Amino acid sequence: MPNEAAGRYAVVTGSSSGIGLAVCRRLLSEGWRVSGVDRADPAVEHPAFFPLRLDLSDDEQCAQVRERLERTPDALVHAAGILRTGGLGDMCAEDGLLMWKLHVHAASLLANAIVPQMVERGSGRVVFLGSRVAGGLPLRGQYAASKAALVALARSWAAEVVSSGVTVNVVSPGATATAMLSGPGRAASQPRLPPIGRLIEPDEVAGLVSYLLGPGAGAVTGQNIAICGGSSLSY
């Protein structure tokens, strides 16, 4: 069977850990070429992986992403993210601004630079990593707001390019087994175990992202798709 991903090229942010790392490994195993963007040292060694060590919360460094890509990518996956918690009376403005810049502003800069070129070519896939928390959760208002904004952006941009062969979607995981769960930024708000009785695995999220980047998902656009282990169910 021919490799449908052969020759395809993706840029993945947050590529050194968690879901971004899992997405990189999944795409590389499927024959993609991948440029991984992260401010940390690369965690992947592969002949088809090209690390870009950049801080996406910095506008100038974010602008360098497009300049340093091989060509217009076939896929853009924005998985870079952080979590800082804080309730009313205890919220940190700097934390809120950092989450907004990394989750929303960086997505806007990257999409603005890359998606029009995908449209001109007539094909492309964009996936943003959202969160189940976007619906609102105590002590996570600033984080939830930034992730909810990604859904609004994705739906708006999907509507703009719907007839062009470019799709834009959001994947929103529930509590996922990444280093973010034990990070100091969430000490005040512990994760809720999904009804399946375990955390979501990064590889499971990467599998859904891979599907959305593939030829079988050409009719899926403007969607916010939960992978939540049953957390969306009403009992």
Protein backbone atom coordinates (compact mmCIF):
# COMPACT_ATOMS: atom_id res chain seq x y z
CA MET A 1 0.00 0.00 0.00
CA PRO A 2 1.47 3.39 -0.92
CA ASN A 3 2.31 5.78 1.89
CA GLU A 4 -0.29 8.55 1.56
CA ALA A 5 1.79 10.88 3.78
CA ALA A 6 4.98 10.53 1.75
CA GLY A 7 6.29 13.93 0.77
CA ARG A 8 3.90 15.79 3.07
CA TYR A 9 5.30 18.46 5.33
CA ALA A 10 3.98 19.69 8.69
CA VAL A 11 4.93 22.33 11.22
CA VAL A 12 4.13 21.38 14.82
CA THR A 13 4.50 23.77 17.75
CA GLY A 14 5.18 22.59 21.28
CA SER A 15 7.18 19.76 19.75
CA SER A 16 9.49 18.96 22.67
CA SER A 17 6.96 17.55 25.13
CA GLY A 18 3.45 16.32 25.72
CA ILE A 19 0.91 16.25 22.92
CA GLY A 20 3.11 18.19 20.50
CA LEU A 21 5.87 15.62 20.88
CA ALA A 22 3.39 12.77 20.40
CA VAL A 23 2.06 14.42 17.22
CA CYS A 24 5.59 14.78 15.84
CA ARG A 25 6.39 11.13 16.49
CA ARG A 26 3.09 10.01 14.96
CA LEU A 27 3.56 12.04 11.80
CA LEU A 28 7.18 10.97 11.39
CA SER A 29 6.12 7.32 11.71
CA GLU A 30 3.62 7.95 8.91
CA GLY A 31 6.23 9.38 6.56
CA TRP A 32 5.75 13.12 7.06
CA ARG A 33 8.56 15.64 7.18
CA VAL A 34 8.16 17.76 10.31
CA SER A 35 9.48 21.10 11.49
CA GLY A 36 9.08 21.17 15.26
CA VAL A 37 8.88 24.53 17.03
CA ASP A 38 9.68 24.79 20.72
CA ARG A 39 11.74 26.98 23.02
CA ALA A 40 13.17 23.85 24.67
CA ASP A 41 15.81 21.52 23.24
CA PRO A 42 14.41 19.08 20.66
CA ALA A 43 13.24 15.73 21.98
CA VAL A 44 13.18 14.00 18.59
CA GLU A 45 16.06 12.64 16.53
CA HIS A 46 14.90 11.66 13.06
CA PRO A 47 16.22 12.42 9.58
CA ALA A 48 12.87 13.96 8.61
CA PHE A 49 12.60 16.16 11.74
CA PHE A 50 13.87 19.73 11.72
CA PRO A 51 13.85 21.57 15.06
CA LEU A 52 13.24 25.30 15.28
CA ARG A 53 14.14 26.57 18.74
CA LEU A 54 11.90 29.62 19.11
CA ASP A 55 9.77 31.19 21.83
CA LEU A 56 6.27 31.71 20.42
CA SER A 57 5.34 34.18 23.14
CA ASP A 58 7.80 36.59 21.49
CA ASP A 59 6.40 38.25 18.35
CA GLU A 60 9.75 38.55 16.60
CA GLN A 61 10.62 34.90 17.19
CA CYS A 62 7.12 33.82 16.19
CA ALA A 63 7.54 35.67 12.88
CA GLN A 64 10.70 33.66 12.23
CA VAL A 65 8.74 30.41 12.00
CA ARG A 66 7.45 31.10 8.49
CA GLU A 67 10.85 32.38 7.38
CA ARG A 68 12.57 29.18 8.47
CA LEU A 69 10.18 26.62 7.01
CA GLU A 70 11.21 24.55 4.02
CA ARG A 71 8.12 25.62 2.10
CA THR A 72 4.44 26.22 2.69
CA PRO A 73 3.49 23.31 4.92
CA ASP A 74 0.70 20.87 4.17
CA ALA A 75 -0.30 21.03 7.82
CA LEU A 76 -0.03 23.40 10.78
CA VAL A 77 -0.53 21.95 14.26
CA HIS A 78 -0.42 24.48 17.11
CA ALA A 79 0.08 22.43 20.28
CA ALA A 80 2.29 24.80 22.28
CA GLY A 81 0.68 25.69 25.58
CA ILE A 82 1.01 26.36 29.27
CA LEU A 83 -1.39 26.30 32.21
CA ARG A 84 -1.53 28.83 35.04
CA THR A 85 -4.35 28.75 37.55
CA GLY A 86 -5.89 31.36 39.82
CA GLY A 87 -9.33 32.32 41.07
CA LEU A 88 -10.98 35.68 41.46
CA GLY A 89 -8.88 37.87 43.73
CA ASP A 90 -5.81 35.75 43.07
CA MET A 91 -5.37 35.94 39.29
CA CYS A 92 -2.02 37.03 37.89
CA ALA A 93 -2.25 39.43 34.95
CA GLU A 94 1.14 38.35 33.65
CA ASP A 95 0.08 34.68 33.61
CA GLY A 96 -3.11 35.54 31.74
CA LEU A 97 -1.21 37.58 29.18
CA LEU A 98 1.35 34.81 28.64
CA MET A 99 -1.36 32.20 28.05
CA TRP A 100 -3.17 34.53 25.65
CA LYS A 101 0.01 35.26 23.71
CA LEU A 102 1.03 31.62 23.44
CA HIS A 103 -2.36 30.07 22.77
CA VAL A 104 -4.18 32.77 20.79
CA HIS A 105 -1.82 35.47 19.57
CA ALA A 106 0.78 32.98 18.31
CA ALA A 107 -1.97 31.00 16.55
CA SER A 108 -3.11 34.20 14.87
CA LEU A 109 0.39 35.14 13.71
CA LEU A 110 1.12 31.66 12.39
CA ALA A 111 -2.22 31.27 10.62
CA ASN A 112 -1.96 34.75 9.12
CA ALA A 113 1.44 33.90 7.66
CA ILE A 114 0.74 30.33 6.51
CA VAL A 115 -2.95 29.76 5.74
CA PRO A 116 -3.22 32.25 2.82
CA GLN A 117 -0.44 30.35 1.08
CA MET A 118 -2.30 27.08 1.67
CA VAL A 119 -5.39 28.69 0.14
CA GLU A 120 -3.42 29.82 -2.88
CA ARG A 121 -2.14 26.27 -3.33
CA GLY A 122 -5.63 24.81 -2.85
CA SER A 123 -4.93 22.45 0.04
CA GLY A 124 -3.93 22.44 3.69
CA ARG A 125 -4.85 21.30 7.18
CA VAL A 126 -4.81 23.36 10.39
CA VAL A 127 -5.36 21.89 13.85
CA PHE A 128 -5.28 23.84 17.10
CA LEU A 129 -5.00 22.07 20.45
CA GLY A 130 -7.80 23.32 22.62
CA SER A 131 -9.08 22.00 25.92
CA ARG A 132 -12.22 20.64 27.52
CA VAL A 133 -11.67 23.41 30.08
CA ALA A 134 -12.74 25.96 27.44
CA GLY A 135 -16.30 25.52 28.68
CA GLY A 136 -15.27 27.00 32.03
CA LEU A 137 -13.85 25.60 35.26
CA PRO A 138 -13.16 27.14 38.67
CA LEU A 139 -9.65 28.59 39.10
CA ARG A 140 -8.91 28.29 35.38
CA GLY A 141 -10.76 31.26 33.95
CA GLN A 142 -7.82 32.83 32.13
CA TYR A 143 -6.73 29.49 30.65
CA ALA A 144 -10.31 28.64 29.67
CA ALA A 145 -10.73 32.01 27.97
CA SER A 146 -7.65 31.54 25.83
CA LYS A 147 -8.73 28.05 24.76
CA ALA A 148 -12.29 29.18 24.05
CA ALA A 149 -10.88 31.92 21.84
CA LEU A 150 -9.11 29.27 19.74
CA VAL A 151 -12.49 27.69 18.94
CA ALA A 152 -13.90 31.03 17.79
CA LEU A 153 -10.83 31.69 15.66
CA ALA A 154 -10.92 28.24 14.09
CA ARG A 155 -14.59 28.47 13.19
CA SER A 156 -14.15 31.96 11.76
CA TRP A 157 -11.13 31.01 9.68
CA ALA A 158 -12.72 27.75 8.54
CA ALA A 159 -15.66 29.79 7.21
CA GLU A 160 -13.28 32.07 5.34
CA VAL A 161 -11.46 29.26 3.54
CA VAL A 162 -14.16 26.58 3.38
CA SER A 163 -14.21 26.38 -0.42
CA SER A 164 -10.43 26.42 -0.85
CA GLY A 165 -9.42 22.90 0.13
CA VAL A 166 -8.10 24.07 3.50
CA THR A 167 -9.63 22.82 6.76
CA VAL A 168 -9.33 24.34 10.24
CA ASN A 169 -10.28 22.38 13.36
CA VAL A 170 -9.71 22.23 17.11
CA VAL A 171 -8.96 19.10 19.12
CA SER A 172 -9.90 19.52 22.78
CA PRO A 173 -8.54 16.86 25.13
CA GLY A 174 -9.67 16.16 28.64
CA ALA A 175 -7.09 15.55 31.36
CA THR A 176 -4.08 14.14 29.51
CA ALA A 177 -1.01 12.37 30.87
CA THR A 178 1.57 15.08 30.20
CA ALA A 179 4.05 17.00 32.33
CA MET A 180 1.55 19.87 32.46
CA LEU A 181 -0.49 17.89 35.00
CA SER A 182 2.26 18.12 37.59
CA GLY A 183 3.47 21.61 36.72
CA PRO A 184 3.65 24.26 39.43
CA GLY A 185 1.19 26.44 37.54
CA ARG A 186 -1.74 24.16 38.36
CA ALA A 187 -1.05 23.46 42.04
CA ALA A 188 -4.38 25.06 43.02
CA SER A 189 -6.47 23.07 40.53
CA GLN A 190 -5.94 19.34 40.25
CA PRO A 191 -7.07 17.37 37.16
CA ARG A 192 -10.35 15.50 37.11
CA LEU A 193 -10.02 11.85 36.11
CA PRO A 194 -12.25 11.10 33.09
CA PRO A 195 -15.09 8.58 33.50
CA ILE A 196 -13.07 5.92 31.64
CA GLY A 197 -11.01 5.74 34.84
CA ARG A 198 -7.68 6.93 33.47
CA LEU A 199 -6.04 9.93 31.88
CA ILE A 200 -6.06 10.47 28.13
CA GLU A 201 -2.77 9.39 26.53
CA PRO A 202 -0.90 11.87 24.29
CA ASP A 203 -0.68 9.19 21.59
CA GLU A 204 -4.47 9.00 21.52
CA VAL A 205 -4.70 12.72 20.89
CA ALA A 206 -1.99 12.43 18.23
CA GLY A 207 -4.05 9.74 16.49
CA LEU A 208 -7.02 12.10 16.21
CA VAL A 209 -4.80 14.91 14.95
CA SER A 210 -3.30 12.54 12.37
CA TYR A 211 -6.78 11.69 11.09
CA LEU A 212 -7.70 15.36 10.72
CA LEU A 213 -4.54 15.94 8.69
CA GLY A 214 -5.25 13.04 6.37
CA PRO A 215 -7.24 12.70 3.16
CA GLY A 216 -10.20 11.09 4.91
CA ALA A 217 -10.96 14.28 6.85
CA GLY A 218 -11.36 16.62 3.91
CA ALA A 219 -15.00 17.29 4.80
CA VAL A 220 -14.31 17.99 8.49
CA THR A 221 -13.78 21.69 9.13
CA GLY A 222 -14.73 24.32 11.69
CA GLN A 223 -15.18 21.67 14.38
CA ASN A 224 -14.18 21.49 18.04
CA ILE A 225 -13.65 17.78 18.63
CA ALA A 226 -13.44 16.51 22.19
CA ILE A 227 -11.28 13.55 23.19
CA CYS A 228 -12.31 13.38 26.78
CA GLY A 229 -12.69 9.80 28.01
CA GLY A 230 -16.41 10.25 28.55
CA SER A 231 -16.25 13.61 30.34
CA SER A 232 -18.75 15.03 27.83
CA LEU A 233 -21.40 12.45 28.68
CA SER A 234 -24.45 13.39 30.68
CA TYR A 235 -25.43 10.75 33.22
